Amino acid sequence: MLGRGILAWWMLTALVGCGSEEPDAQLRALIDRAELAAEERDTGFFRDVLSDRYADRRGNDRDRLVATLRGYFLAHQSIEMITRVESISVSGADAAQVVLHAGLVGRREGASVISGLQGQLYRIELELVAEGGDWQVIGAQWERSVE
């Protein structure tokens, strides 16, 4: 269950690349890329998005979260995800908070199409900073959503 929550938030954290766009547009594009990376089970993408300083209330650091994600990707042969941004709040030029909802459905390796499906909806809060020209996630909170 924790792995699915982490995966959902990770997928949504894929907020890379500052470029010349406004921060709001950059962050939305990053969420879109994270959704695609999750569906492609691309652990490297999420490793790049997490800051070396990442920490959360659940005791995860960057390495632990990447390992959990890797395990989820290995256990699920297919992943489908959809996200909806609730809010983006940018502070100055280098800090942001993103609140979003993520629907996640995964199918376990070797399981039948029906019995192997597992789905959840999460509310995710991400804390990001601009580091070296890219948005990096430095913290996150997630919980199952009833919405």
Protein backbone atom coordinates (compact mmCIF):
# COMPACT_ATOMS: atom_id res chain seq x y z
CA MET A 1 0.00 0.00 0.00
CA LEU A 2 2.84 2.39 0.84
CA GLY A 3 4.48 1.48 -2.46
CA ARG A 4 1.42 2.48 -4.43
CA GLY A 5 1.23 5.80 -2.60
CA ILE A 6 4.84 6.48 -3.23
CA LEU A 7 4.45 5.52 -6.85
CA ALA A 8 1.51 7.84 -7.33
CA TRP A 9 3.38 10.75 -5.85
CA TRP A 10 6.51 9.93 -7.73
CA MET A 11 4.68 9.83 -10.97
CA LEU A 12 3.43 13.25 -10.25
CA THR A 13 6.72 14.59 -9.10
CA ALA A 14 8.38 14.29 -12.41
CA LEU A 15 8.70 18.02 -12.60
CA VAL A 16 11.89 18.55 -14.53
CA GLY A 17 13.17 21.44 -16.59
CA CYS A 18 12.87 25.13 -15.98
CA GLY A 19 13.61 26.59 -19.43
CA SER A 20 11.96 29.84 -20.44
CA GLU A 21 8.39 28.93 -19.48
CA GLU A 22 6.64 30.37 -16.45
CA PRO A 23 7.00 28.21 -13.32
CA ASP A 24 3.32 27.19 -13.41
CA ALA A 25 3.67 25.88 -16.97
CA GLN A 26 6.98 24.18 -16.13
CA LEU A 27 5.44 22.37 -13.18
CA ARG A 28 2.39 21.24 -15.16
CA ALA A 29 4.65 19.93 -17.93
CA LEU A 30 6.71 18.10 -15.34
CA ILE A 31 3.61 16.42 -13.93
CA ASP A 32 2.66 15.33 -17.44
CA ARG A 33 6.13 13.86 -17.97
CA ALA A 34 5.95 12.11 -14.59
CA GLU A 35 2.66 10.49 -15.55
CA LEU A 36 4.20 9.16 -18.76
CA ALA A 37 7.36 8.00 -16.94
CA ALA A 38 5.25 6.08 -14.42
CA GLU A 39 3.35 4.34 -17.19
CA GLU A 40 6.68 3.46 -18.82
CA ARG A 41 8.00 2.30 -15.42
CA ASP A 42 11.03 4.59 -15.78
CA THR A 43 12.75 4.62 -12.38
CA GLY A 44 15.59 6.81 -13.67
CA PHE A 45 13.23 9.66 -14.42
CA PHE A 46 12.06 9.74 -10.82
CA ARG A 47 15.61 9.47 -9.46
CA ASP A 48 16.47 12.60 -11.43
CA VAL A 49 13.48 14.53 -10.08
CA LEU A 50 14.19 13.86 -6.41
CA SER A 51 16.61 16.19 -4.72
CA ASP A 52 19.52 14.71 -2.79
CA ARG A 53 17.96 16.56 0.16
CA TYR A 54 14.59 14.79 -0.19
CA ALA A 55 12.94 13.74 3.08
CA ASP A 56 9.33 13.05 4.08
CA ARG A 57 7.35 12.48 7.28
CA ARG A 58 7.33 8.73 6.65
CA GLY A 59 11.09 8.55 7.05
CA ASN A 60 11.90 8.16 3.37
CA ASP A 61 14.97 9.67 1.79
CA ARG A 62 15.73 9.75 -1.93
CA ASP A 63 17.33 6.30 -2.10
CA ARG A 64 14.60 4.58 -0.12
CA LEU A 65 11.86 6.11 -2.25
CA VAL A 66 13.62 5.14 -5.49
CA ALA A 67 14.01 1.57 -4.22
CA THR A 68 10.31 1.39 -3.33
CA LEU A 69 9.37 2.69 -6.75
CA ARG A 70 11.64 0.17 -8.44
CA GLY A 71 9.92 -2.63 -6.51
CA TYR A 72 6.48 -1.41 -7.56
CA PHE A 73 7.56 -1.22 -11.20
CA LEU A 74 8.98 -4.74 -11.07
CA ALA A 75 5.81 -6.14 -9.49
CA HIS A 76 3.41 -4.48 -11.96
CA GLN A 77 3.76 -5.30 -15.64
CA SER A 78 1.48 -2.45 -16.63
CA ILE A 79 0.55 0.84 -15.00
CA GLU A 80 -2.08 3.36 -16.00
CA MET A 81 -2.22 6.78 -14.36
CA ILE A 82 -4.23 9.95 -14.56
CA THR A 83 -3.56 13.18 -12.68
CA ARG A 84 -5.42 16.39 -11.90
CA VAL A 85 -3.65 19.45 -10.51
CA GLU A 86 -5.59 21.08 -7.68
CA SER A 87 -3.20 23.99 -7.12
CA ILE A 88 0.27 25.32 -7.82
CA SER A 89 1.80 27.90 -5.52
CA VAL A 90 5.13 29.45 -6.49
CA SER A 91 7.20 31.39 -3.94
CA GLY A 92 9.87 33.56 -5.48
CA ALA A 93 11.87 32.11 -8.34
CA ASP A 94 12.94 28.87 -6.71
CA ALA A 95 10.22 27.32 -4.50
CA ALA A 96 6.84 25.79 -5.25
CA GLN A 97 4.12 23.63 -3.77
CA VAL A 98 1.91 21.47 -5.98
CA VAL A 99 -1.26 19.76 -4.79
CA LEU A 100 -2.71 17.13 -7.10
CA HIS A 101 -4.84 14.03 -7.31
CA ALA A 102 -3.58 10.88 -8.96
CA GLY A 103 -5.50 7.81 -10.02
CA LEU A 104 -3.32 4.75 -10.35
CA VAL A 105 -4.13 1.28 -11.69
CA GLY A 106 -1.48 -1.41 -11.87
CA ARG A 107 -1.59 -5.05 -12.96
CA ARG A 108 0.64 -7.53 -11.17
CA GLU A 109 3.05 -9.61 -13.23
CA GLY A 110 1.50 -12.96 -14.13
CA ALA A 111 -1.95 -12.09 -12.77
CA SER A 112 -5.13 -12.30 -14.81
CA VAL A 113 -6.52 -9.10 -16.26
CA ILE A 114 -9.36 -8.88 -13.73
CA SER A 115 -7.94 -10.40 -10.55
CA GLY A 116 -4.54 -8.73 -10.96
CA LEU A 117 -5.78 -5.13 -11.16
CA GLN A 118 -5.13 -2.85 -8.20
CA GLY A 119 -6.26 0.77 -8.21
CA GLN A 120 -6.13 3.72 -5.86
CA LEU A 121 -6.78 7.45 -5.80
CA TYR A 122 -4.33 9.70 -3.93
CA ARG A 123 -4.08 13.33 -2.86
CA ILE A 124 -0.45 14.41 -3.12
CA GLU A 125 1.34 17.52 -1.87
CA LEU A 126 4.77 18.16 -3.33
CA GLU A 127 7.40 20.65 -2.18
CA LEU A 128 9.81 21.64 -4.93
CA VAL A 129 12.84 23.86 -5.37
CA ALA A 130 14.63 25.00 -8.49
CA GLU A 131 18.12 23.48 -8.33
CA GLY A 132 20.58 23.82 -11.16
CA GLY A 133 17.90 24.95 -13.59
CA ASP A 134 15.52 22.04 -12.87
CA TRP A 135 12.64 21.62 -10.45
CA GLN A 136 13.49 19.07 -7.78
CA VAL A 137 11.17 17.48 -5.21
CA ILE A 138 12.46 17.99 -1.66
CA GLY A 139 9.40 16.73 0.20
CA ALA A 140 6.01 15.13 -0.27
CA GLN A 141 2.93 13.99 1.58
CA TRP A 142 0.30 11.67 0.19
CA GLU A 143 -2.84 10.01 1.38
CA ARG A 144 -5.62 7.98 -0.11
CA SER A 145 -8.36 10.19 -1.39
CA VAL A 146 -12.08 9.50 -1.36
CA GLU A 147 -12.71 12.04 -4.12
